[in-house]
Amino acid sequence: IVPDKELRKRRPYSVLYLVSPERI
């Protein structure tokens, strides 16, 4: 996955992550 900005250029995607301090 590339930055959301790059995803939106290709398709109208939005990605939301749930993270701990160390990981997704």
mmCIF file of all heavy atoms, coordinates in Angstrom:
data_MODEL
# 
_entry.id   MODEL 
# 
loop_
_atom_site.group_PDB 
_atom_site.id 
_atom_site.type_symbol 
_atom_site.label_atom_id 
_atom_site.label_alt_id 
_atom_site.label_comp_id 
_atom_site.label_asym_id 
_atom_site.label_entity_id 
_atom_site.label_seq_id 
_atom_site.pdbx_PDB_ins_code 
_atom_site.Cartn_x 
_atom_site.Cartn_y 
_atom_site.Cartn_z 
_atom_site.occupancy 
_atom_site.B_iso_or_equiv 
_atom_site.pdbx_formal_charge 
_atom_site.auth_seq_id 
_atom_site.auth_comp_id 
_atom_site.auth_asym_id 
_atom_site.auth_atom_id 
_atom_site.pdbx_PDB_model_num 
ATOM 1   N N   . ILE A 1 1  ? 0.834   -1.202 0.000   1.00 0.00 ? 1  ILE A N   1 
ATOM 2   C CA  . ILE A 1 1  ? 0.000   0.000  0.000   1.00 0.00 ? 1  ILE A CA  1 
ATOM 3   C C   . ILE A 1 1  ? 0.870   1.254  0.000   1.00 0.00 ? 1  ILE A C   1 
ATOM 4   O O   . ILE A 1 1  ? 1.824   1.373  0.750   1.00 0.00 ? 1  ILE A O   1 
ATOM 5   C CB  . ILE A 1 1  ? -0.958  0.013  1.220   1.00 0.00 ? 1  ILE A CB  1 
ATOM 6   C CG1 . ILE A 1 1  ? -2.081  -1.004 0.998   1.00 0.00 ? 1  ILE A CG1 1 
ATOM 7   C CG2 . ILE A 1 1  ? -1.565  1.387  1.431   1.00 0.00 ? 1  ILE A CG2 1 
ATOM 8   C CD1 . ILE A 1 1  ? -3.024  -1.143 2.154   1.00 0.00 ? 1  ILE A CD1 1 
ATOM 9   N N   . VAL A 1 2  ? 0.483   2.159  -0.856  1.00 0.00 ? 2  VAL A N   1 
ATOM 10  C CA  . VAL A 1 2  ? 1.163   3.443  -0.949  1.00 0.00 ? 2  VAL A CA  1 
ATOM 11  C C   . VAL A 1 2  ? 0.347   4.461  -0.157  1.00 0.00 ? 2  VAL A C   1 
ATOM 12  O O   . VAL A 1 2  ? -0.763  4.167  0.265   1.00 0.00 ? 2  VAL A O   1 
ATOM 13  C CB  . VAL A 1 2  ? 1.298   3.884  -2.428  1.00 0.00 ? 2  VAL A CB  1 
ATOM 14  C CG1 . VAL A 1 2  ? 2.210   2.924  -3.165  1.00 0.00 ? 2  VAL A CG1 1 
ATOM 15  C CG2 . VAL A 1 2  ? -0.048  3.968  -3.104  1.00 0.00 ? 2  VAL A CG2 1 
ATOM 16  N N   . PRO A 1 3  ? 0.866   5.656  0.044   1.00 0.00 ? 3  PRO A N   1 
ATOM 17  C CA  . PRO A 1 3  ? 0.085   6.649  0.796   1.00 0.00 ? 3  PRO A CA  1 
ATOM 18  C C   . PRO A 1 3  ? -1.318  6.834  0.221   1.00 0.00 ? 3  PRO A C   1 
ATOM 19  O O   . PRO A 1 3  ? -1.532  6.726  -0.986  1.00 0.00 ? 3  PRO A O   1 
ATOM 20  C CB  . PRO A 1 3  ? 0.911   7.924  0.637   1.00 0.00 ? 3  PRO A CB  1 
ATOM 21  C CG  . PRO A 1 3  ? 2.303   7.438  0.428   1.00 0.00 ? 3  PRO A CG  1 
ATOM 22  C CD  . PRO A 1 3  ? 2.169   6.146  -0.349  1.00 0.00 ? 3  PRO A CD  1 
ATOM 23  N N   . ASP A 1 4  ? -2.265  7.109  1.101   1.00 0.00 ? 4  ASP A N   1 
ATOM 24  C CA  . ASP A 1 4  ? -3.657  7.276  0.699   1.00 0.00 ? 4  ASP A CA  1 
ATOM 25  C C   . ASP A 1 4  ? -3.810  8.269  -0.450  1.00 0.00 ? 4  ASP A C   1 
ATOM 26  O O   . ASP A 1 4  ? -4.646  8.090  -1.323  1.00 0.00 ? 4  ASP A O   1 
ATOM 27  C CB  . ASP A 1 4  ? -4.501  7.753  1.880   1.00 0.00 ? 4  ASP A CB  1 
ATOM 28  C CG  . ASP A 1 4  ? -4.662  6.679  2.952   1.00 0.00 ? 4  ASP A CG  1 
ATOM 29  O OD1 . ASP A 1 4  ? -4.266  5.530  2.702   1.00 0.00 ? 4  ASP A OD1 1 
ATOM 30  O OD2 . ASP A 1 4  ? -5.182  7.005  4.012   1.00 0.00 ? 4  ASP A OD2 1 
ATOM 31  N N   . LYS A 1 5  ? -3.003  9.309  -0.456  1.00 0.00 ? 5  LYS A N   1 
ATOM 32  C CA  . LYS A 1 5  ? -3.084  10.312 -1.516  1.00 0.00 ? 5  LYS A CA  1 
ATOM 33  C C   . LYS A 1 5  ? -2.860  9.654  -2.881  1.00 0.00 ? 5  LYS A C   1 
ATOM 34  O O   . LYS A 1 5  ? -3.548  9.943  -3.849  1.00 0.00 ? 5  LYS A O   1 
ATOM 35  C CB  . LYS A 1 5  ? -2.042  11.406 -1.262  1.00 0.00 ? 5  LYS A CB  1 
ATOM 36  C CG  . LYS A 1 5  ? -2.146  12.584 -2.201  1.00 0.00 ? 5  LYS A CG  1 
ATOM 37  C CD  . LYS A 1 5  ? -1.366  13.762 -1.667  1.00 0.00 ? 5  LYS A CD  1 
ATOM 38  C CE  . LYS A 1 5  ? 0.044   13.736 -2.202  1.00 0.00 ? 5  LYS A CE  1 
ATOM 39  N NZ  . LYS A 1 5  ? 0.824   14.908 -1.824  1.00 0.00 ? 5  LYS A NZ  1 
ATOM 40  N N   . GLU A 1 6  ? -1.919  8.735  -2.948  1.00 0.00 ? 6  GLU A N   1 
ATOM 41  C CA  . GLU A 1 6  ? -1.656  8.015  -4.196  1.00 0.00 ? 6  GLU A CA  1 
ATOM 42  C C   . GLU A 1 6  ? -2.811  7.077  -4.545  1.00 0.00 ? 6  GLU A C   1 
ATOM 43  O O   . GLU A 1 6  ? -3.176  6.938  -5.706  1.00 0.00 ? 6  GLU A O   1 
ATOM 44  C CB  . GLU A 1 6  ? -0.349  7.227  -4.095  1.00 0.00 ? 6  GLU A CB  1 
ATOM 45  C CG  . GLU A 1 6  ? 0.882   8.090  -3.954  1.00 0.00 ? 6  GLU A CG  1 
ATOM 46  C CD  . GLU A 1 6  ? 1.073   9.027  -5.138  1.00 0.00 ? 6  GLU A CD  1 
ATOM 47  O OE1 . GLU A 1 6  ? 0.926   8.578  -6.287  1.00 0.00 ? 6  GLU A OE1 1 
ATOM 48  O OE2 . GLU A 1 6  ? 1.339   10.215 -4.915  1.00 0.00 ? 6  GLU A OE2 1 
ATOM 49  N N   . LEU A 1 7  ? -3.395  6.425  -3.538  1.00 0.00 ? 7  LEU A N   1 
ATOM 50  C CA  . LEU A 1 7  ? -4.544  5.559  -3.793  1.00 0.00 ? 7  LEU A CA  1 
ATOM 51  C C   . LEU A 1 7  ? -5.700  6.365  -4.366  1.00 0.00 ? 7  LEU A C   1 
ATOM 52  O O   . LEU A 1 7  ? -6.363  5.932  -5.296  1.00 0.00 ? 7  LEU A O   1 
ATOM 53  C CB  . LEU A 1 7  ? -5.006  4.897  -2.492  1.00 0.00 ? 7  LEU A CB  1 
ATOM 54  C CG  . LEU A 1 7  ? -4.340  3.605  -2.078  1.00 0.00 ? 7  LEU A CG  1 
ATOM 55  C CD1 . LEU A 1 7  ? -4.833  3.196  -0.701  1.00 0.00 ? 7  LEU A CD1 1 
ATOM 56  C CD2 . LEU A 1 7  ? -4.617  2.506  -3.069  1.00 0.00 ? 7  LEU A CD2 1 
ATOM 57  N N   . ARG A 1 8  ? -5.951  7.548  -3.815  1.00 0.00 ? 8  ARG A N   1 
ATOM 58  C CA  . ARG A 1 8  ? -7.067  8.366  -4.276  1.00 0.00 ? 8  ARG A CA  1 
ATOM 59  C C   . ARG A 1 8  ? -6.880  8.832  -5.704  1.00 0.00 ? 8  ARG A C   1 
ATOM 60  O O   . ARG A 1 8  ? -7.848  9.062  -6.410  1.00 0.00 ? 8  ARG A O   1 
ATOM 61  C CB  . ARG A 1 8  ? -7.270  9.557  -3.345  1.00 0.00 ? 8  ARG A CB  1 
ATOM 62  C CG  . ARG A 1 8  ? -7.995  9.164  -2.084  1.00 0.00 ? 8  ARG A CG  1 
ATOM 63  C CD  . ARG A 1 8  ? -8.466  10.387 -1.329  1.00 0.00 ? 8  ARG A CD  1 
ATOM 64  N NE  . ARG A 1 8  ? -8.399  10.089 0.070   1.00 0.00 ? 8  ARG A NE  1 
ATOM 65  C CZ  . ARG A 1 8  ? -7.493  10.570 0.897   1.00 0.00 ? 8  ARG A CZ  1 
ATOM 66  N NH1 . ARG A 1 8  ? -6.588  11.400 0.480   1.00 0.00 ? 8  ARG A NH1 1 
ATOM 67  N NH2 . ARG A 1 8  ? -7.502  10.227 2.164   1.00 0.00 ? 8  ARG A NH2 1 
ATOM 68  N N   . LYS A 1 9  ? -5.640  8.994  -6.148  1.00 0.00 ? 9  LYS A N   1 
ATOM 69  C CA  . LYS A 1 9  ? -5.404  9.389  -7.537  1.00 0.00 ? 9  LYS A CA  1 
ATOM 70  C C   . LYS A 1 9  ? -5.893  8.306  -8.486  1.00 0.00 ? 9  LYS A C   1 
ATOM 71  O O   . LYS A 1 9  ? -6.409  8.582  -9.550  1.00 0.00 ? 9  LYS A O   1 
ATOM 72  C CB  . LYS A 1 9  ? -3.910  9.644  -7.790  1.00 0.00 ? 9  LYS A CB  1 
ATOM 73  C CG  . LYS A 1 9  ? -3.417  10.944 -7.258  1.00 0.00 ? 9  LYS A CG  1 
ATOM 74  C CD  . LYS A 1 9  ? -1.940  11.086 -7.597  1.00 0.00 ? 9  LYS A CD  1 
ATOM 75  C CE  . LYS A 1 9  ? -1.345  12.297 -6.919  1.00 0.00 ? 9  LYS A CE  1 
ATOM 76  N NZ  . LYS A 1 9  ? 0.113   12.351 -7.119  1.00 0.00 ? 9  LYS A NZ  1 
ATOM 77  N N   . ARG A 1 10 ? -5.706  7.051  -8.091  1.00 0.00 ? 10 ARG A N   1 
ATOM 78  C CA  . ARG A 1 10 ? -6.083  5.932  -8.946  1.00 0.00 ? 10 ARG A CA  1 
ATOM 79  C C   . ARG A 1 10 ? -7.563  5.581  -8.809  1.00 0.00 ? 10 ARG A C   1 
ATOM 80  O O   . ARG A 1 10 ? -8.228  5.297  -9.773  1.00 0.00 ? 10 ARG A O   1 
ATOM 81  C CB  . ARG A 1 10 ? -5.224  4.715  -8.622  1.00 0.00 ? 10 ARG A CB  1 
ATOM 82  C CG  . ARG A 1 10 ? -3.796  4.909  -9.086  1.00 0.00 ? 10 ARG A CG  1 
ATOM 83  C CD  . ARG A 1 10 ? -2.997  3.648  -8.896  1.00 0.00 ? 10 ARG A CD  1 
ATOM 84  N NE  . ARG A 1 10 ? -1.910  4.004  -7.995  1.00 0.00 ? 10 ARG A NE  1 
ATOM 85  C CZ  . ARG A 1 10 ? -1.415  3.217  -7.081  1.00 0.00 ? 10 ARG A CZ  1 
ATOM 86  N NH1 . ARG A 1 10 ? -1.882  2.034  -6.909  1.00 0.00 ? 10 ARG A NH1 1 
ATOM 87  N NH2 . ARG A 1 10 ? -0.431  3.625  -6.316  1.00 0.00 ? 10 ARG A NH2 1 
ATOM 88  N N   . ARG A 1 11 ? -8.048  5.559  -7.596  1.00 0.00 ? 11 ARG A N   1 
ATOM 89  C CA  . ARG A 1 11 ? -9.453  5.243  -7.310  1.00 0.00 ? 11 ARG A CA  1 
ATOM 90  C C   . ARG A 1 11 ? -9.821  5.957  -6.016  1.00 0.00 ? 11 ARG A C   1 
ATOM 91  O O   . ARG A 1 11 ? -8.960  6.243  -5.199  1.00 0.00 ? 11 ARG A O   1 
ATOM 92  C CB  . ARG A 1 11 ? -9.628  3.736  -7.110  1.00 0.00 ? 11 ARG A CB  1 
ATOM 93  C CG  . ARG A 1 11 ? -9.408  2.951  -8.360  1.00 0.00 ? 11 ARG A CG  1 
ATOM 94  C CD  . ARG A 1 11 ? -9.857  1.518  -8.145  1.00 0.00 ? 11 ARG A CD  1 
ATOM 95  N NE  . ARG A 1 11 ? -9.626  0.776  -9.372  1.00 0.00 ? 11 ARG A NE  1 
ATOM 96  C CZ  . ARG A 1 11 ? -9.120  -0.433 -9.414  1.00 0.00 ? 11 ARG A CZ  1 
ATOM 97  N NH1 . ARG A 1 11 ? -8.776  -1.046 -8.320  1.00 0.00 ? 11 ARG A NH1 1 
ATOM 98  N NH2 . ARG A 1 11 ? -8.957  -1.044 -10.565 1.00 0.00 ? 11 ARG A NH2 1 
ATOM 99  N N   . PRO A 1 12 ? -11.104 6.186  -5.804  1.00 0.00 ? 12 PRO A N   1 
ATOM 100 C CA  . PRO A 1 12 ? -11.485 6.912  -4.573  1.00 0.00 ? 12 PRO A CA  1 
ATOM 101 C C   . PRO A 1 12 ? -11.489 6.020  -3.327  1.00 0.00 ? 12 PRO A C   1 
ATOM 102 O O   . PRO A 1 12 ? -12.514 5.760  -2.729  1.00 0.00 ? 12 PRO A O   1 
ATOM 103 C CB  . PRO A 1 12 ? -12.891 7.421  -4.908  1.00 0.00 ? 12 PRO A CB  1 
ATOM 104 C CG  . PRO A 1 12 ? -13.417 6.436  -5.898  1.00 0.00 ? 12 PRO A CG  1 
ATOM 105 C CD  . PRO A 1 12 ? -12.221 5.951  -6.685  1.00 0.00 ? 12 PRO A CD  1 
ATOM 106 N N   . TYR A 1 13 ? -10.331 5.522  -2.947  1.00 0.00 ? 13 TYR A N   1 
ATOM 107 C CA  . TYR A 1 13 ? -10.200 4.682  -1.757  1.00 0.00 ? 13 TYR A CA  1 
ATOM 108 C C   . TYR A 1 13 ? -9.831  5.515  -0.536  1.00 0.00 ? 13 TYR A C   1 
ATOM 109 O O   . TYR A 1 13 ? -9.173  6.543  -0.642  1.00 0.00 ? 13 TYR A O   1 
ATOM 110 C CB  . TYR A 1 13 ? -9.071  3.658  -1.928  1.00 0.00 ? 13 TYR A CB  1 
ATOM 111 C CG  . TYR A 1 13 ? -9.380  2.520  -2.845  1.00 0.00 ? 13 TYR A CG  1 
ATOM 112 C CD1 . TYR A 1 13 ? -8.666  2.338  -4.011  1.00 0.00 ? 13 TYR A CD1 1 
ATOM 113 C CD2 . TYR A 1 13 ? -10.373 1.602  -2.534  1.00 0.00 ? 13 TYR A CD2 1 
ATOM 114 C CE1 . TYR A 1 13 ? -8.915  1.273  -4.856  1.00 0.00 ? 13 TYR A CE1 1 
ATOM 115 C CE2 . TYR A 1 13 ? -10.639 0.530  -3.373  1.00 0.00 ? 13 TYR A CE2 1 
ATOM 116 C CZ  . TYR A 1 13 ? -9.905  0.378  -4.521  1.00 0.00 ? 13 TYR A CZ  1 
ATOM 117 O OH  . TYR A 1 13 ? -10.165 -0.674 -5.352  1.00 0.00 ? 13 TYR A OH  1 
ATOM 118 N N   . SER A 1 14 ? -10.196 5.013  0.604   1.00 0.00 ? 14 SER A N   1 
ATOM 119 C CA  . SER A 1 14 ? -9.752  5.566  1.867   1.00 0.00 ? 14 SER A CA  1 
ATOM 120 C C   . SER A 1 14 ? -9.369  4.379  2.745   1.00 0.00 ? 14 SER A C   1 
ATOM 121 O O   . SER A 1 14 ? -10.105 3.390  2.809   1.00 0.00 ? 14 SER A O   1 
ATOM 122 C CB  . SER A 1 14 ? -10.882 6.359  2.518   1.00 0.00 ? 14 SER A CB  1 
ATOM 123 O OG  . SER A 1 14 ? -10.466 6.865  3.753   1.00 0.00 ? 14 SER A OG  1 
ATOM 124 N N   . VAL A 1 15 ? -8.227  4.447  3.387   1.00 0.00 ? 15 VAL A N   1 
ATOM 125 C CA  . VAL A 1 15 ? -7.771  3.351  4.238   1.00 0.00 ? 15 VAL A CA  1 
ATOM 126 C C   . VAL A 1 15 ? -7.612  3.885  5.656   1.00 0.00 ? 15 VAL A C   1 
ATOM 127 O O   . VAL A 1 15 ? -6.994  4.923  5.879   1.00 0.00 ? 15 VAL A O   1 
ATOM 128 C CB  . VAL A 1 15 ? -6.421  2.770  3.745   1.00 0.00 ? 15 VAL A CB  1 
ATOM 129 C CG1 . VAL A 1 15 ? -6.018  1.573  4.606   1.00 0.00 ? 15 VAL A CG1 1 
ATOM 130 C CG2 . VAL A 1 15 ? -6.502  2.378  2.282   1.00 0.00 ? 15 VAL A CG2 1 
ATOM 131 N N   . LEU A 1 16 ? -8.190  3.184  6.591   1.00 0.00 ? 16 LEU A N   1 
ATOM 132 C CA  . LEU A 1 16 ? -8.097  3.544  7.994   1.00 0.00 ? 16 LEU A CA  1 
ATOM 133 C C   . LEU A 1 16 ? -7.380  2.403  8.708   1.00 0.00 ? 16 LEU A C   1 
ATOM 134 O O   . LEU A 1 16 ? -7.699  1.235  8.496   1.00 0.00 ? 16 LEU A O   1 
ATOM 135 C CB  . LEU A 1 16 ? -9.497  3.722  8.576   1.00 0.00 ? 16 LEU A CB  1 
ATOM 136 C CG  . LEU A 1 16 ? -9.578  4.129  10.031  1.00 0.00 ? 16 LEU A CG  1 
ATOM 137 C CD1 . LEU A 1 16 ? -9.042  5.547  10.208  1.00 0.00 ? 16 LEU A CD1 1 
ATOM 138 C CD2 . LEU A 1 16 ? -11.005 4.042  10.517  1.00 0.00 ? 16 LEU A CD2 1 
ATOM 139 N N   . TYR A 1 17 ? -6.398  2.750  9.522   1.00 0.00 ? 17 TYR A N   1 
ATOM 140 C CA  . TYR A 1 17 ? -5.587  1.757  10.226  1.00 0.00 ? 17 TYR A CA  1 
ATOM 141 C C   . TYR A 1 17 ? -5.879  1.799  11.722  1.00 0.00 ? 17 TYR A C   1 
ATOM 142 O O   . TYR A 1 17 ? -6.078  2.858  12.300  1.00 0.00 ? 17 TYR A O   1 
ATOM 143 C CB  . TYR A 1 17 ? -4.103  2.048  10.019  1.00 0.00 ? 17 TYR A CB  1 
ATOM 144 C CG  . TYR A 1 17 ? -3.708  2.056  8.570   1.00 0.00 ? 17 TYR A CG  1 
ATOM 145 C CD1 . TYR A 1 17 ? -3.729  3.232  7.830   1.00 0.00 ? 17 TYR A CD1 1 
ATOM 146 C CD2 . TYR A 1 17 ? -3.336  0.882  7.924   1.00 0.00 ? 17 TYR A CD2 1 
ATOM 147 C CE1 . TYR A 1 17 ? -3.388  3.234  6.488   1.00 0.00 ? 17 TYR A CE1 1 
ATOM 148 C CE2 . TYR A 1 17 ? -2.991  0.879  6.587   1.00 0.00 ? 17 TYR A CE2 1 
ATOM 149 C CZ  . TYR A 1 17 ? -3.017  2.060  5.877   1.00 0.00 ? 17 TYR A CZ  1 
ATOM 150 O OH  . TYR A 1 17 ? -2.691  2.057  4.551   1.00 0.00 ? 17 TYR A OH  1 
ATOM 151 N N   . LEU A 1 18 ? -5.872  0.635  12.347  1.00 0.00 ? 18 LEU A N   1 
ATOM 152 C CA  . LEU A 1 18 ? -5.897  0.516  13.794  1.00 0.00 ? 18 LEU A CA  1 
ATOM 153 C C   . LEU A 1 18 ? -4.501  0.065  14.186  1.00 0.00 ? 18 LEU A C   1 
ATOM 154 O O   . LEU A 1 18 ? -4.018  -0.956 13.680  1.00 0.00 ? 18 LEU A O   1 
ATOM 155 C CB  . LEU A 1 18 ? -6.943  -0.504 14.243  1.00 0.00 ? 18 LEU A CB  1 
ATOM 156 C CG  . LEU A 1 18 ? -7.105  -0.686 15.747  1.00 0.00 ? 18 LEU A CG  1 
ATOM 157 C CD1 . LEU A 1 18 ? -7.585  0.602  16.413  1.00 0.00 ? 18 LEU A CD1 1 
ATOM 158 C CD2 . LEU A 1 18 ? -8.077  -1.815 16.036  1.00 0.00 ? 18 LEU A CD2 1 
ATOM 159 N N   . VAL A 1 19 ? -3.854  0.839  15.043  1.00 0.00 ? 19 VAL A N   1 
ATOM 160 C CA  . VAL A 1 19 ? -2.453  0.578  15.346  1.00 0.00 ? 19 VAL A CA  1 
ATOM 161 C C   . VAL A 1 19 ? -2.192  0.528  16.842  1.00 0.00 ? 19 VAL A C   1 
ATOM 162 O O   . VAL A 1 19 ? -2.888  1.143  17.637  1.00 0.00 ? 19 VAL A O   1 
ATOM 163 C CB  . VAL A 1 19 ? -1.526  1.657  14.717  1.00 0.00 ? 19 VAL A CB  1 
ATOM 164 C CG1 . VAL A 1 19 ? -1.622  1.634  13.200  1.00 0.00 ? 19 VAL A CG1 1 
ATOM 165 C CG2 . VAL A 1 19 ? -1.850  3.045  15.246  1.00 0.00 ? 19 VAL A CG2 1 
ATOM 166 N N   . SER A 1 20 ? -1.160  -0.219 17.195  1.00 0.00 ? 20 SER A N   1 
ATOM 167 C CA  . SER A 1 20 ? -0.557  -0.150 18.520  1.00 0.00 ? 20 SER A CA  1 
ATOM 168 C C   . SER A 1 20 ? 0.652   0.761  18.344  1.00 0.00 ? 20 SER A C   1 
ATOM 169 O O   . SER A 1 20 ? 0.950   1.164  17.221  1.00 0.00 ? 20 SER A O   1 
ATOM 170 C CB  . SER A 1 20 ? -0.125  -1.550 18.976  1.00 0.00 ? 20 SER A CB  1 
ATOM 171 O OG  . SER A 1 20 ? 1.015   -1.969 18.261  1.00 0.00 ? 20 SER A OG  1 
ATOM 172 N N   . PRO A 1 21 ? 1.385   1.077  19.399  1.00 0.00 ? 21 PRO A N   1 
ATOM 173 C CA  . PRO A 1 21 ? 2.568   1.917  19.202  1.00 0.00 ? 21 PRO A CA  1 
ATOM 174 C C   . PRO A 1 21 ? 3.590   1.308  18.236  1.00 0.00 ? 21 PRO A C   1 
ATOM 175 O O   . PRO A 1 21 ? 4.318   2.034  17.572  1.00 0.00 ? 21 PRO A O   1 
ATOM 176 C CB  . PRO A 1 21 ? 3.153   2.042  20.610  1.00 0.00 ? 21 PRO A CB  1 
ATOM 177 C CG  . PRO A 1 21 ? 1.981   1.879  21.514  1.00 0.00 ? 21 PRO A CG  1 
ATOM 178 C CD  . PRO A 1 21 ? 1.098   0.867  20.826  1.00 0.00 ? 21 PRO A CD  1 
ATOM 179 N N   . GLU A 1 22 ? 3.622   -0.019 18.119  1.00 0.00 ? 22 GLU A N   1 
ATOM 180 C CA  . GLU A 1 22 ? 4.647   -0.666 17.294  1.00 0.00 ? 22 GLU A CA  1 
ATOM 181 C C   . GLU A 1 22 ? 4.166   -1.170 15.942  1.00 0.00 ? 22 GLU A C   1 
ATOM 182 O O   . GLU A 1 22 ? 4.970   -1.381 15.049  1.00 0.00 ? 22 GLU A O   1 
ATOM 183 C CB  . GLU A 1 22 ? 5.245   -1.894 18.017  1.00 0.00 ? 22 GLU A CB  1 
ATOM 184 C CG  . GLU A 1 22 ? 5.836   -1.638 19.372  1.00 0.00 ? 22 GLU A CG  1 
ATOM 185 C CD  . GLU A 1 22 ? 4.792   -1.703 20.475  1.00 0.00 ? 22 GLU A CD  1 
ATOM 186 O OE1 . GLU A 1 22 ? 3.804   -2.442 20.343  1.00 0.00 ? 22 GLU A OE1 1 
ATOM 187 O OE2 . GLU A 1 22 ? 4.974   -0.987 21.468  1.00 0.00 ? 22 GLU A OE2 1 
ATOM 188 N N   . ARG A 1 23 ? 2.851   -1.397 15.793  1.00 0.00 ? 23 ARG A N   1 
ATOM 189 C CA  . ARG A 1 23 ? 2.431   -2.123 14.590  1.00 0.00 ? 23 ARG A CA  1 
ATOM 190 C C   . ARG A 1 23 ? 1.001   -1.804 14.176  1.00 0.00 ? 23 ARG A C   1 
ATOM 191 O O   . ARG A 1 23 ? 0.210   -1.314 14.963  1.00 0.00 ? 23 ARG A O   1 
ATOM 192 C CB  . ARG A 1 23 ? 2.591   -3.612 14.792  1.00 0.00 ? 23 ARG A CB  1 
ATOM 193 C CG  . ARG A 1 23 ? 1.705   -4.225 15.845  1.00 0.00 ? 23 ARG A CG  1 
ATOM 194 C CD  . ARG A 1 23 ? 1.939   -5.717 16.073  1.00 0.00 ? 23 ARG A CD  1 
ATOM 195 N NE  . ARG A 1 23 ? 1.964   -6.466 14.858  1.00 0.00 ? 23 ARG A NE  1 
ATOM 196 C CZ  . ARG A 1 23 ? 3.082   -6.910 14.245  1.00 0.00 ? 23 ARG A CZ  1 
ATOM 197 N NH1 . ARG A 1 23 ? 4.250   -6.679 14.773  1.00 0.00 ? 23 ARG A NH1 1 
ATOM 198 N NH2 . ARG A 1 23 ? 3.026   -7.583 13.133  1.00 0.00 ? 23 ARG A NH2 1 
ATOM 199 N N   . ILE A 1 24 ? 0.700   -2.176 12.927  1.00 0.00 ? 24 ILE A N   1 
ATOM 200 C CA  . ILE A 1 24 ? -0.660  -2.133 12.422  1.00 0.00 ? 24 ILE A CA  1 
ATOM 201 C C   . ILE A 1 24 ? -1.360  -3.400 12.894  1.00 0.00 ? 24 ILE A C   1 
ATOM 202 O O   . ILE A 1 24 ? -0.870  -4.506 12.682  1.00 0.00 ? 24 ILE A O   1 
ATOM 203 C CB  . ILE A 1 24 ? -0.682  -2.050 10.881  1.00 0.00 ? 24 ILE A CB  1 
ATOM 204 C CG1 . ILE A 1 24 ? -0.053  -0.732 10.415  1.00 0.00 ? 24 ILE A CG1 1 
ATOM 205 C CG2 . ILE A 1 24 ? -2.105  -2.190 10.351  1.00 0.00 ? 24 ILE A CG2 1 
ATOM 206 C CD1 . ILE A 1 24 ? 0.171   -0.644 8.916   1.00 0.00 ? 24 ILE A CD1 1 
# 
